[in-house]
Amino acid sequence: MSAHSNPDPNPNANPSPWILLRGLTRESRHWGAFASLLEARCGAVLPVDLPGNGTRHHAISPLEVSEYVDAVRRELQRALGQGDGAPPYRVLAMSLGGMVATAWALRYPAEIARLVLVNTSMRPFSRFDERLRPAAWPALLHAAQHWRGRDRIGVAETRIHAATCARRDTLAADLDTWRAIRASAPVSRANALRQLWAAARFSAHGVPRCEVLVASSRADRLVNPVCSARLAQAWDARHLEHPWAGHDLPHDDPHWLIDAICASEPASEPASAATDAPAHVDTHADTRTDAAADPQPDPRTDPAAAPDGPASPA
């Protein structure tokens, strides 16, 4: 976990960094290019690894989402103390990380100023077969069979990439990076199962008091995007849907997601963010679901228009 300092041209902006939380078996390095791109637009970022992943891959992953919240808060206390990085925080999280962020906001509302939840799902808003699409089960089972060891030919990571990413132009670079991550900080099969159990059992009771932006991908092959739509409707939160990205939206179109974040920042944020933000069209007024008017062209049909650089899965 590392914070990146970035001079903020607006002294009234929140001095706390953006806290970034990834999903099942993923870690800080899986944010790839997205973290530095977000930092350049929105200020300091601080990716935090969940227990069992990344810098904490030797730890035992909890079976309860509430225990992940405790672990993240302890890590932030250790890393930031009571200095300029004190709460309230802005938190961007996806998948399991989104559940952790939600539980955090519900238990400690004074600590969270803003939530951006990407392709997450939770009870009671979605069924199990919506939270993990049945069509993805064979690929994930195949990945599990090749989970142990260094997976030198990359079967597990190849399956994860196919299930979570729509972009294929960065496939070779992504797999090289992900195999290196797996070799240096392997997530045990037991921890992967413990994380899956915690995610499956999590249920959100209540509505976060902070501002919430829900972002989803229409072409998500892992989690049905209806999960995000229902969550946003239940919480009366803004919902943005990307037209072609997969589950790993920060990987597939990082600029679109960052533009969406900047467009919904409070007025006190740097003016450049508002100036550079894309227009949004309200396509479902009753659920406050928006579709961005100008996402990056789909690199599956226009490879030359692919967004910059590989980023990451779940």
C-alpha atoms as a PDB file:
ATOM      1  CA  MET A   1       0.000   0.000   0.000  1.00  0.00           C
ATOM      2  CA  SER A   2       1.431   3.358  -0.960  1.00  0.00           C
ATOM      3  CA  ALA A   3       0.075   6.897  -1.007  1.00  0.00           C
ATOM      4  CA  HIS A   4       1.023   9.206  -3.835  1.00  0.00           C
ATOM      5  CA  SER A   5       1.189  12.891  -3.030  1.00  0.00           C
ATOM      6  CA  ASN A   6      -0.063  15.238  -5.697  1.00  0.00           C
ATOM      7  CA  PRO A   7      -0.241  19.022  -5.230  1.00  0.00           C
ATOM      8  CA  ASP A   8      -3.887  20.044  -5.320  1.00  0.00           C
ATOM      9  CA  PRO A   9      -4.560  23.399  -6.975  1.00  0.00           C
ATOM     10  CA  ASN A  10      -7.646  23.880  -4.833  1.00  0.00           C
ATOM     11  CA  PRO A  11      -6.856  24.353  -1.119  1.00  0.00           C
ATOM     12  CA  ASN A  12     -10.499  23.628  -0.241  1.00  0.00           C
ATOM     13  CA  ALA A  13     -10.400  20.152  -1.759  1.00  0.00           C
ATOM     14  CA  ASN A  14     -10.514  17.131   0.539  1.00  0.00           C
ATOM     15  CA  PRO A  15      -6.897  16.475   1.648  1.00  0.00           C
ATOM     16  CA  SER A  16      -7.581  12.818   2.295  1.00  0.00           C
ATOM     17  CA  PRO A  17      -6.552  10.447  -0.508  1.00  0.00           C
ATOM     18  CA  TRP A  18      -8.884   8.328  -2.559  1.00  0.00           C
ATOM     19  CA  ILE A  19      -8.934   4.890  -0.909  1.00  0.00           C
ATOM     20  CA  LEU A  20      -8.968   2.142  -3.553  1.00  0.00           C
ATOM     21  CA  LEU A  21     -10.293  -1.342  -2.735  1.00  0.00           C
ATOM     22  CA  ARG A  22     -10.157  -4.231  -5.201  1.00  0.00           C
ATOM     23  CA  GLY A  23     -12.190  -7.428  -5.318  1.00  0.00           C
ATOM     24  CA  LEU A  24     -11.778 -11.182  -4.938  1.00  0.00           C
ATOM     25  CA  THR A  25      -8.107 -12.293  -4.873  1.00  0.00           C
ATOM     26  CA  ARG A  26      -6.967  -8.995  -6.416  1.00  0.00           C
ATOM     27  CA  GLU A  27      -4.499  -6.490  -4.971  1.00  0.00           C
ATOM     28  CA  SER A  28      -3.195  -2.946  -5.360  1.00  0.00           C
ATOM     29  CA  ARG A  29      -1.032  -3.718  -8.400  1.00  0.00           C
ATOM     30  CA  HIS A  30      -4.064  -4.930 -10.308  1.00  0.00           C
ATOM     31  CA  TRP A  31      -5.276  -1.325 -10.571  1.00  0.00           C
ATOM     32  CA  GLY A  32      -2.578  -0.915 -13.206  1.00  0.00           C
ATOM     33  CA  ALA A  33      -2.626   2.427 -14.998  1.00  0.00           C
ATOM     34  CA  PHE A  34      -5.955   3.443 -13.464  1.00  0.00           C
ATOM     35  CA  ALA A  35      -4.477   4.511 -10.104  1.00  0.00           C
ATOM     36  CA  SER A  36      -2.004   6.976 -11.605  1.00  0.00           C
ATOM     37  CA  LEU A  37      -4.617   8.328 -14.027  1.00  0.00           C
ATOM     38  CA  LEU A  38      -7.055   8.926 -11.158  1.00  0.00           C
ATOM     39  CA  GLU A  39      -4.305  10.591  -9.138  1.00  0.00           C
ATOM     40  CA  ALA A  40      -3.541  12.985 -11.975  1.00  0.00           C
ATOM     41  CA  ARG A  41      -7.181  14.091 -12.133  1.00  0.00           C
ATOM     42  CA  CYS A  42      -8.452  13.816  -8.561  1.00  0.00           C
ATOM     43  CA  GLY A  43      -5.485  13.993  -6.179  1.00  0.00           C
ATOM     44  CA  ALA A  44      -3.666  11.455  -4.028  1.00  0.00           C
ATOM     45  CA  VAL A  45      -4.684   7.805  -4.130  1.00  0.00           C
ATOM     46  CA  LEU A  46      -4.047   5.069  -1.592  1.00  0.00           C
ATOM     47  CA  PRO A  47      -4.685   1.484  -2.720  1.00  0.00           C
ATOM     48  CA  VAL A  48      -5.290  -0.837   0.236  1.00  0.00           C
ATOM     49  CA  ASP A  49      -4.887  -4.620   0.079  1.00  0.00           C
ATOM     50  CA  LEU A  50      -7.535  -6.777   1.724  1.00  0.00           C
ATOM     51  CA  PRO A  51      -6.333  -9.539   4.096  1.00  0.00           C
ATOM     52  CA  GLY A  52      -5.105 -12.498   2.061  1.00  0.00           C
ATOM     53  CA  ASN A  53      -4.135 -10.424  -0.985  1.00  0.00           C
ATOM     54  CA  GLY A  54      -1.086  -8.467  -2.106  1.00  0.00           C
ATOM     55  CA  THR A  55       1.114  -7.232   0.708  1.00  0.00           C
ATOM     56  CA  ARG A  56      -1.159  -9.166   3.068  1.00  0.00           C
ATOM     57  CA  HIS A  57      -1.206 -12.462   1.156  1.00  0.00           C
ATOM     58  CA  HIS A  58       0.193 -14.327   4.177  1.00  0.00           C
ATOM     59  CA  ALA A  59      -2.805 -13.259   6.310  1.00  0.00           C
ATOM     60  CA  ILE A  60      -5.941 -15.370   6.645  1.00  0.00           C
ATOM     61  CA  SER A  61      -8.876 -13.848   4.798  1.00  0.00           C
ATOM     62  CA  PRO A  62     -11.855 -13.262   7.124  1.00  0.00           C
ATOM     63  CA  LEU A  63     -15.183 -14.960   6.579  1.00  0.00           C
ATOM     64  CA  GLU A  64     -17.133 -11.789   7.434  1.00  0.00           C
ATOM     65  CA  VAL A  65     -17.079  -8.540   5.462  1.00  0.00           C
ATOM     66  CA  SER A  66     -17.151  -6.605   8.752  1.00  0.00           C
ATOM     67  CA  GLU A  67     -13.697  -8.007   9.565  1.00  0.00           C
ATOM     68  CA  TYR A  68     -12.331  -6.686   6.270  1.00  0.00           C
ATOM     69  CA  VAL A  69     -13.602  -3.266   7.331  1.00  0.00           C
ATOM     70  CA  ASP A  70     -11.695  -3.556  10.602  1.00  0.00           C
ATOM     71  CA  ALA A  71      -8.543  -4.584   8.740  1.00  0.00           C
ATOM     72  CA  VAL A  72      -8.757  -1.670   6.286  1.00  0.00           C
ATOM     73  CA  ARG A  73      -9.294   0.847   9.091  1.00  0.00           C
ATOM     74  CA  ARG A  74      -6.285  -0.530  10.996  1.00  0.00           C
ATOM     75  CA  GLU A  75      -4.139  -0.322   7.865  1.00  0.00           C
ATOM     76  CA  LEU A  76      -5.164   3.282   7.242  1.00  0.00           C
ATOM     77  CA  GLN A  77      -4.436   4.185  10.856  1.00  0.00           C
ATOM     78  CA  ARG A  78      -0.997   2.651  10.493  1.00  0.00           C
ATOM     79  CA  ALA A  79      -0.272   4.295   7.145  1.00  0.00           C
ATOM     80  CA  LEU A  80      -1.814   7.721   7.697  1.00  0.00           C
ATOM     81  CA  GLY A  81      -2.143   8.258  11.440  1.00  0.00           C
ATOM     82  CA  GLN A  82      -4.023  11.435  12.318  1.00  0.00           C
ATOM     83  CA  GLY A  83      -2.330  13.700   9.774  1.00  0.00           C
ATOM     84  CA  ASP A  84      -3.627  15.140   6.525  1.00  0.00           C
ATOM     85  CA  GLY A  85      -4.925  11.728   5.544  1.00  0.00           C
ATOM     86  CA  ALA A  86      -7.496  11.595   8.347  1.00  0.00           C
ATOM     87  CA  PRO A  87     -11.144  10.839   7.498  1.00  0.00           C
ATOM     88  CA  PRO A  88     -13.607  11.441   6.029  1.00  0.00           C
ATOM     89  CA  TYR A  89     -12.335   9.473   3.045  1.00  0.00           C
ATOM     90  CA  ARG A  90     -13.397   9.180  -0.556  1.00  0.00           C
ATOM     91  CA  VAL A  91     -13.538   5.483  -1.407  1.00  0.00           C
ATOM     92  CA  LEU A  92     -13.563   3.862  -4.828  1.00  0.00           C
ATOM     93  CA  ALA A  93     -14.162   0.132  -4.678  1.00  0.00           C
ATOM     94  CA  MET A  94     -15.192  -2.707  -6.936  1.00  0.00           C
ATOM     95  CA  SER A  95     -16.724  -6.133  -6.468  1.00  0.00           C
ATOM     96  CA  LEU A  96     -15.857  -7.488  -2.976  1.00  0.00           C
ATOM     97  CA  GLY A  97     -14.162  -4.172  -2.238  1.00  0.00           C
ATOM     98  CA  GLY A  98     -17.507  -2.478  -2.868  1.00  0.00           C
ATOM     99  CA  MET A  99     -19.110  -4.628  -0.187  1.00  0.00           C
ATOM    100  CA  VAL A 100     -16.333  -3.722   2.240  1.00  0.00           C
ATOM    101  CA  ALA A 101     -16.744  -0.024   1.417  1.00  0.00           C
ATOM    102  CA  THR A 102     -20.518  -0.246   1.902  1.00  0.00           C
ATOM    103  CA  ALA A 103     -20.189  -1.977   5.269  1.00  0.00           C
ATOM    104  CA  TRP A 104     -17.629   0.654   6.296  1.00  0.00           C
ATOM    105  CA  ALA A 105     -19.937   3.532   5.336  1.00  0.00           C
ATOM    106  CA  LEU A 106     -22.859   1.977   7.209  1.00  0.00           C
ATOM    107  CA  ARG A 107     -20.891   1.275  10.412  1.00  0.00           C
ATOM    108  CA  TYR A 108     -18.804   4.454  10.496  1.00  0.00           C
ATOM    109  CA  PRO A 109     -20.707   7.087   8.482  1.00  0.00           C
ATOM    110  CA  ALA A 110     -18.532   9.954   9.713  1.00  0.00           C
ATOM    111  CA  GLU A 111     -15.470   8.345   8.114  1.00  0.00           C
ATOM    112  CA  ILE A 112     -16.760   8.251   4.531  1.00  0.00           C
ATOM    113  CA  ALA A 113     -17.403  11.381   2.493  1.00  0.00           C
ATOM    114  CA  ARG A 114     -18.083   9.682  -0.816  1.00  0.00           C
ATOM    115  CA  LEU A 115     -18.458   6.199  -2.301  1.00  0.00           C
ATOM    116  CA  VAL A 116     -17.894   5.118  -5.888  1.00  0.00           C
ATOM    117  CA  LEU A 117     -18.976   1.494  -6.285  1.00  0.00           C
ATOM    118  CA  VAL A 118     -17.968  -0.325  -9.476  1.00  0.00           C
ATOM    119  CA  ASN A 119     -19.702  -3.527 -10.611  1.00  0.00           C
ATOM    120  CA  THR A 120     -20.488  -4.633  -7.094  1.00  0.00           C
ATOM    121  CA  SER A 121     -23.427  -6.664  -5.840  1.00  0.00           C
ATOM    122  CA  MET A 122     -24.914  -7.551  -2.497  1.00  0.00           C
ATOM    123  CA  ARG A 123     -27.895  -9.006  -0.774  1.00  0.00           C
ATOM    124  CA  PRO A 124     -30.796  -8.284  -0.443  1.00  0.00           C
ATOM    125  CA  PHE A 125     -30.819  -6.533  -3.820  1.00  0.00           C
ATOM    126  CA  SER A 126     -29.672  -9.405  -6.042  1.00  0.00           C
ATOM    127  CA  ARG A 127     -29.909 -13.181  -6.324  1.00  0.00           C
ATOM    128  CA  PHE A 128     -26.852 -15.445  -6.242  1.00  0.00           C
ATOM    129  CA  ASP A 129     -27.141 -16.279  -9.961  1.00  0.00           C
ATOM    130  CA  GLU A 130     -27.158 -12.537 -10.706  1.00  0.00           C
ATOM    131  CA  ARG A 131     -24.215 -11.823  -8.437  1.00  0.00           C
ATOM    132  CA  LEU A 132     -22.177 -14.532 -10.168  1.00  0.00           C
ATOM    133  CA  ARG A 133     -23.505 -15.361 -13.624  1.00  0.00           C
ATOM    134  CA  PRO A 134     -23.899 -19.120 -14.243  1.00  0.00           C
ATOM    135  CA  ALA A 135     -22.216 -18.726 -17.637  1.00  0.00           C
ATOM    136  CA  ALA A 136     -19.024 -17.717 -15.801  1.00  0.00           C
ATOM    137  CA  TRP A 137     -18.961 -20.732 -13.480  1.00  0.00           C
ATOM    138  CA  PRO A 138     -17.108 -23.152 -15.837  1.00  0.00           C
ATOM    139  CA  ALA A 139     -14.291 -20.662 -16.466  1.00  0.00           C
ATOM    140  CA  LEU A 140     -13.933 -19.928 -12.768  1.00  0.00           C
ATOM    141  CA  LEU A 141     -13.905 -23.635 -11.912  1.00  0.00           C
ATOM    142  CA  HIS A 142     -11.203 -24.168 -14.541  1.00  0.00           C
ATOM    143  CA  ALA A 143      -9.197 -21.319 -12.997  1.00  0.00           C
ATOM    144  CA  ALA A 144      -9.617 -22.902  -9.555  1.00  0.00           C
ATOM    145  CA  GLN A 145      -8.222 -26.194 -10.841  1.00  0.00           C
ATOM    146  CA  HIS A 146      -5.038 -24.377 -11.855  1.00  0.00           C
ATOM    147  CA  TRP A 147      -4.877 -22.136  -8.796  1.00  0.00           C
ATOM    148  CA  ARG A 148      -2.015 -23.763  -6.923  1.00  0.00           C
ATOM    149  CA  GLY A 149       1.613 -23.070  -7.754  1.00  0.00           C
ATOM    150  CA  ARG A 150       2.948 -20.400 -10.055  1.00  0.00           C
ATOM    151  CA  ASP A 151       0.680 -21.328 -12.975  1.00  0.00           C
ATOM    152  CA  ARG A 152       3.548 -20.719 -15.392  1.00  0.00           C
ATOM    153  CA  ILE A 153       1.389 -21.058 -18.502  1.00  0.00           C
ATOM    154  CA  GLY A 154      -1.137 -18.652 -17.034  1.00  0.00           C
ATOM    155  CA  VAL A 155      -4.291 -20.793 -17.190  1.00  0.00           C
ATOM    156  CA  ALA A 156      -5.898 -19.226 -14.102  1.00  0.00           C
ATOM    157  CA  GLU A 157      -5.067 -15.657 -15.072  1.00  0.00           C
ATOM    158  CA  THR A 158      -6.128 -16.250 -18.692  1.00  0.00           C
ATOM    159  CA  ARG A 159      -9.511 -17.494 -17.490  1.00  0.00           C
ATOM    160  CA  ILE A 160      -9.877 -14.545 -15.118  1.00  0.00           C
ATOM    161  CA  HIS A 161      -9.014 -12.115 -17.914  1.00  0.00           C
ATOM    162  CA  ALA A 162     -11.611 -13.674 -20.216  1.00  0.00           C
ATOM    163  CA  ALA A 163     -14.267 -13.450 -17.505  1.00  0.00           C
ATOM    164  CA  THR A 164     -13.526  -9.894 -16.376  1.00  0.00           C
ATOM    165  CA  CYS A 165     -12.102  -7.891 -19.294  1.00  0.00           C
ATOM    166  CA  ALA A 166     -13.657  -6.904 -22.614  1.00  0.00           C
ATOM    167  CA  ARG A 167     -10.433  -5.460 -24.003  1.00  0.00           C
ATOM    168  CA  ARG A 168      -8.113  -7.924 -25.721  1.00  0.00           C
ATOM    169  CA  ASP A 169      -5.533  -5.503 -27.127  1.00  0.00           C
ATOM    170  CA  THR A 170      -3.638  -5.560 -23.804  1.00  0.00           C
ATOM    171  CA  LEU A 171      -4.014  -9.315 -23.194  1.00  0.00           C
ATOM    172  CA  ALA A 172      -0.342 -10.289 -23.517  1.00  0.00           C
ATOM    173  CA  ALA A 173       0.906  -7.420 -21.325  1.00  0.00           C
ATOM    174  CA  ASP A 174      -1.852  -8.009 -18.769  1.00  0.00           C
ATOM    175  CA  LEU A 175      -1.069 -11.706 -18.455  1.00  0.00           C
ATOM    176  CA  ASP A 176       2.660 -11.047 -18.078  1.00  0.00           C
ATOM    177  CA  THR A 177       1.901  -8.586 -15.272  1.00  0.00           C
ATOM    178  CA  TRP A 178      -0.676 -10.758 -13.557  1.00  0.00           C
ATOM    179  CA  ARG A 179       1.522 -13.854 -13.648  1.00  0.00           C
ATOM    180  CA  ALA A 180       4.328 -11.837 -12.064  1.00  0.00           C
ATOM    181  CA  ILE A 181       1.943 -10.591  -9.365  1.00  0.00           C
ATOM    182  CA  ARG A 182       0.751 -14.136  -8.685  1.00  0.00           C
ATOM    183  CA  ALA A 183       4.333 -15.376  -8.405  1.00  0.00           C
ATOM    184  CA  SER A 184       5.388 -12.626  -5.986  1.00  0.00           C
ATOM    185  CA  ALA A 185       2.275 -12.596  -3.775  1.00  0.00           C
ATOM    186  CA  PRO A 186       0.221 -15.746  -4.353  1.00  0.00           C
ATOM    187  CA  VAL A 187      -3.297 -15.857  -2.941  1.00  0.00           C
ATOM    188  CA  SER A 188      -3.995 -19.272  -1.458  1.00  0.00           C
ATOM    189  CA  ARG A 189      -6.952 -21.306  -2.669  1.00  0.00           C
ATOM    190  CA  ALA A 190      -8.235 -21.355   0.913  1.00  0.00           C
ATOM    191  CA  ASN A 191      -8.186 -17.556   1.073  1.00  0.00           C
ATOM    192  CA  ALA A 192      -9.895 -17.298  -2.311  1.00  0.00           C
ATOM    193  CA  LEU A 193     -12.694 -19.522  -1.017  1.00  0.00           C
ATOM    194  CA  ARG A 194     -12.922 -17.587   2.240  1.00  0.00           C
ATOM    195  CA  GLN A 195     -13.273 -14.325   0.311  1.00  0.00           C
ATOM    196  CA  LEU A 196     -15.951 -15.854  -1.911  1.00  0.00           C
ATOM    197  CA  TRP A 197     -17.828 -17.051   1.180  1.00  0.00           C
ATOM    198  CA  ALA A 198     -17.672 -13.602   2.782  1.00  0.00           C
ATOM    199  CA  ALA A 199     -18.928 -11.970  -0.413  1.00  0.00           C
ATOM    200  CA  ALA A 200     -21.768 -14.465  -0.863  1.00  0.00           C
ATOM    201  CA  ARG A 201     -23.028 -13.967   2.693  1.00  0.00           C
ATOM    202  CA  PHE A 202     -22.790 -10.171   2.854  1.00  0.00           C
ATOM    203  CA  SER A 203     -26.056  -8.282   3.154  1.00  0.00           C
ATOM    204  CA  ALA A 204     -26.367  -4.498   3.338  1.00  0.00           C
ATOM    205  CA  HIS A 205     -28.833  -3.180   5.901  1.00  0.00           C
ATOM    206  CA  GLY A 206     -29.462   0.542   5.622  1.00  0.00           C
ATOM    207  CA  VAL A 207     -28.456   3.309   3.234  1.00  0.00           C
ATOM    208  CA  PRO A 208     -25.073   5.090   3.341  1.00  0.00           C
ATOM    209  CA  ARG A 209     -25.370   8.714   4.421  1.00  0.00           C
ATOM    210  CA  CYS A 210     -22.637   9.877   2.054  1.00  0.00           C
ATOM    211  CA  GLU A 211     -22.861  10.642  -1.652  1.00  0.00           C
ATOM    212  CA  VAL A 212     -22.841   7.418  -3.685  1.00  0.00           C
ATOM    213  CA  LEU A 213     -22.053   6.901  -7.358  1.00  0.00           C
ATOM    214  CA  VAL A 214     -22.744   3.431  -8.765  1.00  0.00           C
ATOM    215  CA  ALA A 215     -20.931   2.491 -11.982  1.00  0.00           C
ATOM    216  CA  SER A 216     -21.580  -0.694 -13.934  1.00  0.00           C
ATOM    217  CA  SER A 217     -20.709  -2.325 -17.237  1.00  0.00           C
ATOM    218  CA  ARG A 218     -23.445  -3.434 -19.595  1.00  0.00           C
ATOM    219  CA  ALA A 219     -21.217  -6.215 -20.974  1.00  0.00           C
ATOM    220  CA  ASP A 220     -20.128  -7.560 -17.561  1.00  0.00           C
ATOM    221  CA  ARG A 221     -19.868 -11.342 -18.009  1.00  0.00           C
ATOM    222  CA  LEU A 222     -19.165 -12.027 -14.338  1.00  0.00           C
ATOM    223  CA  VAL A 223     -21.808  -9.993 -12.469  1.00  0.00           C
ATOM    224  CA  ASN A 224     -25.170  -9.104 -13.944  1.00  0.00           C
ATOM    225  CA  PRO A 225     -25.359  -5.279 -14.254  1.00  0.00           C
ATOM    226  CA  VAL A 226     -28.899  -5.430 -12.893  1.00  0.00           C
ATOM    227  CA  CYS A 227     -27.224  -5.769  -9.478  1.00  0.00           C
ATOM    228  CA  SER A 228     -25.875  -2.226  -9.740  1.00  0.00           C
ATOM    229  CA  ALA A 229     -29.136  -0.870 -11.141  1.00  0.00           C
ATOM    230  CA  ARG A 230     -31.157  -2.268  -8.241  1.00  0.00           C
ATOM    231  CA  LEU A 231     -28.632  -1.039  -5.692  1.00  0.00           C
ATOM    232  CA  ALA A 232     -28.736   2.488  -7.103  1.00  0.00           C
ATOM    233  CA  GLN A 233     -32.531   2.446  -7.187  1.00  0.00           C
ATOM    234  CA  ALA A 234     -32.808   1.253  -3.589  1.00  0.00           C
ATOM    235  CA  TRP A 235     -30.417   3.944  -2.376  1.00  0.00           C
ATOM    236  CA  ASP A 236     -31.644   6.678  -4.744  1.00  0.00           C
ATOM    237  CA  ALA A 237     -28.049   6.967  -5.949  1.00  0.00           C
ATOM    238  CA  ARG A 238     -26.741   8.036  -9.325  1.00  0.00           C
ATOM    239  CA  HIS A 239     -26.015   5.117 -11.668  1.00  0.00           C
ATOM    240  CA  LEU A 240     -23.734   5.281 -14.710  1.00  0.00           C
ATOM    241  CA  GLU A 241     -23.571   2.352 -17.132  1.00  0.00           C
ATOM    242  CA  HIS A 242     -20.717   1.772 -19.561  1.00  0.00           C
ATOM    243  CA  PRO A 243     -21.913   0.357 -22.895  1.00  0.00           C
ATOM    244  CA  TRP A 244     -19.188  -2.203 -23.752  1.00  0.00           C
ATOM    245  CA  ALA A 245     -16.737  -2.682 -20.845  1.00  0.00           C
ATOM    246  CA  GLY A 246     -16.486  -5.902 -18.861  1.00  0.00           C
ATOM    247  CA  HIS A 247     -16.444  -6.483 -15.114  1.00  0.00           C
ATOM    248  CA  ASP A 248     -13.061  -4.811 -14.764  1.00  0.00           C
ATOM    249  CA  LEU A 249     -14.227  -1.381 -15.867  1.00  0.00           C
ATOM    250  CA  PRO A 250     -11.079   0.411 -14.562  1.00  0.00           C
ATOM    251  CA  HIS A 251      -9.062  -1.834 -16.885  1.00  0.00           C
ATOM    252  CA  ASP A 252     -11.260  -1.576 -19.953  1.00  0.00           C
ATOM    253  CA  ASP A 253     -11.968   2.164 -20.020  1.00  0.00           C
ATOM    254  CA  PRO A 254     -10.189   4.009 -17.188  1.00  0.00           C
ATOM    255  CA  HIS A 255     -10.725   7.452 -18.723  1.00  0.00           C
ATOM    256  CA  TRP A 256     -14.497   6.990 -18.898  1.00  0.00           C
ATOM    257  CA  LEU A 257     -14.655   6.023 -15.219  1.00  0.00           C
ATOM    258  CA  ILE A 258     -12.422   8.891 -14.125  1.00  0.00           C
ATOM    259  CA  ASP A 259     -14.460  11.352 -16.194  1.00  0.00           C
ATOM    260  CA  ALA A 260     -17.606  10.047 -14.497  1.00  0.00           C
ATOM    261  CA  ILE A 261     -16.048  10.514 -11.063  1.00  0.00           C
ATOM    262  CA  CYS A 262     -14.881  14.025 -11.849  1.00  0.00           C
ATOM    263  CA  ALA A 263     -18.226  15.006 -13.356  1.00  0.00           C
ATOM    264  CA  SER A 264     -19.984  14.180 -10.096  1.00  0.00           C
ATOM    265  CA  GLU A 265     -17.413  15.762  -7.768  1.00  0.00           C
ATOM    266  CA  PRO A 266     -18.699  18.553  -5.499  1.00  0.00           C
ATOM    267  CA  ALA A 267     -18.325  22.099  -6.781  1.00  0.00           C
ATOM    268  CA  SER A 268     -15.284  22.650  -4.535  1.00  0.00           C
ATOM    269  CA  GLU A 269     -13.217  20.253  -6.643  1.00  0.00           C
ATOM    270  CA  PRO A 270     -10.740  21.599  -9.240  1.00  0.00           C
ATOM    271  CA  ALA A 271     -12.428  23.324 -12.129  1.00  0.00           C
ATOM    272  CA  SER A 272     -10.425  21.293 -14.653  1.00  0.00           C
ATOM    273  CA  ALA A 273     -12.273  18.151 -13.600  1.00  0.00           C
ATOM    274  CA  ALA A 274     -15.635  19.680 -14.398  1.00  0.00           C
ATOM    275  CA  THR A 275     -14.320  21.141 -17.661  1.00  0.00           C
ATOM    276  CA  ASP A 276     -12.976  17.799 -18.876  1.00  0.00           C
ATOM    277  CA  ALA A 277     -15.987  15.731 -17.801  1.00  0.00           C
ATOM    278  CA  PRO A 278     -18.139  14.098 -20.483  1.00  0.00           C
ATOM    279  CA  ALA A 279     -21.775  14.892 -21.061  1.00  0.00           C
ATOM    280  CA  HIS A 280     -24.232  12.361 -19.631  1.00  0.00           C
ATOM    281  CA  VAL A 281     -27.655  11.489 -20.906  1.00  0.00           C
ATOM    282  CA  ASP A 282     -30.391  10.453 -18.474  1.00  0.00           C
ATOM    283  CA  THR A 283     -31.755   7.272 -20.026  1.00  0.00           C
ATOM    284  CA  HIS A 284     -33.746   5.918 -17.058  1.00  0.00           C
ATOM    285  CA  ALA A 285     -35.002   8.868 -15.043  1.00  0.00           C
ATOM    286  CA  ASP A 286     -36.972   6.691 -12.638  1.00  0.00           C
ATOM    287  CA  THR A 287     -33.836   4.829 -11.507  1.00  0.00           C
ATOM    288  CA  ARG A 288     -31.435   7.739 -12.008  1.00  0.00           C
ATOM    289  CA  THR A 289     -29.412   5.606 -14.420  1.00  0.00           C
ATOM    290  CA  ASP A 290     -27.256   7.519 -16.874  1.00  0.00           C
ATOM    291  CA  ALA A 291     -25.333   6.332 -19.899  1.00  0.00           C
ATOM    292  CA  ALA A 292     -22.199   8.300 -20.758  1.00  0.00           C
ATOM    293  CA  ALA A 293     -22.595  10.005 -24.100  1.00  0.00           C
ATOM    294  CA  ASP A 294     -18.983   9.563 -25.159  1.00  0.00           C
ATOM    295  CA  PRO A 295     -17.187   6.505 -23.793  1.00  0.00           C
ATOM    296  CA  GLN A 296     -14.023   5.394 -25.521  1.00  0.00           C
ATOM    297  CA  PRO A 297     -14.737   3.595 -28.820  1.00  0.00           C
ATOM    298  CA  ASP A 298     -15.050  -0.138 -28.342  1.00  0.00           C
ATOM    299  CA  PRO A 299     -11.497  -1.504 -28.881  1.00  0.00           C
ATOM    300  CA  ARG A 300     -12.984  -4.885 -29.747  1.00  0.00           C
ATOM    301  CA  THR A 301     -14.151  -3.348 -33.039  1.00  0.00           C
ATOM    302  CA  ASP A 302     -11.698  -0.433 -33.246  1.00  0.00           C
ATOM    303  CA  PRO A 303      -8.337  -1.512 -31.738  1.00  0.00           C
ATOM    304  CA  ALA A 304      -6.636   1.717 -32.775  1.00  0.00           C
ATOM    305  CA  ALA A 305      -8.990   3.628 -30.471  1.00  0.00           C
ATOM    306  CA  ALA A 306      -8.217   1.572 -27.374  1.00  0.00           C
ATOM    307  CA  PRO A 307      -7.690   3.517 -24.122  1.00  0.00           C
ATOM    308  CA  ASP A 308      -4.131   3.959 -22.895  1.00  0.00           C
ATOM    309  CA  GLY A 309      -2.178   1.198 -21.263  1.00  0.00           C
ATOM    310  CA  PRO A 310      -3.011  -2.056 -19.502  1.00  0.00           C
ATOM    311  CA  ALA A 311      -4.584  -1.871 -16.091  1.00  0.00           C
ATOM    312  CA  SER A 312      -6.178  -4.970 -14.560  1.00  0.00           C
ATOM    313  CA  PRO A 313      -9.505  -8.196 -12.724  1.00  0.00           C
ATOM    314  CA  ALA A 314     -12.208  -8.271 -10.150  1.00  0.00           C
END
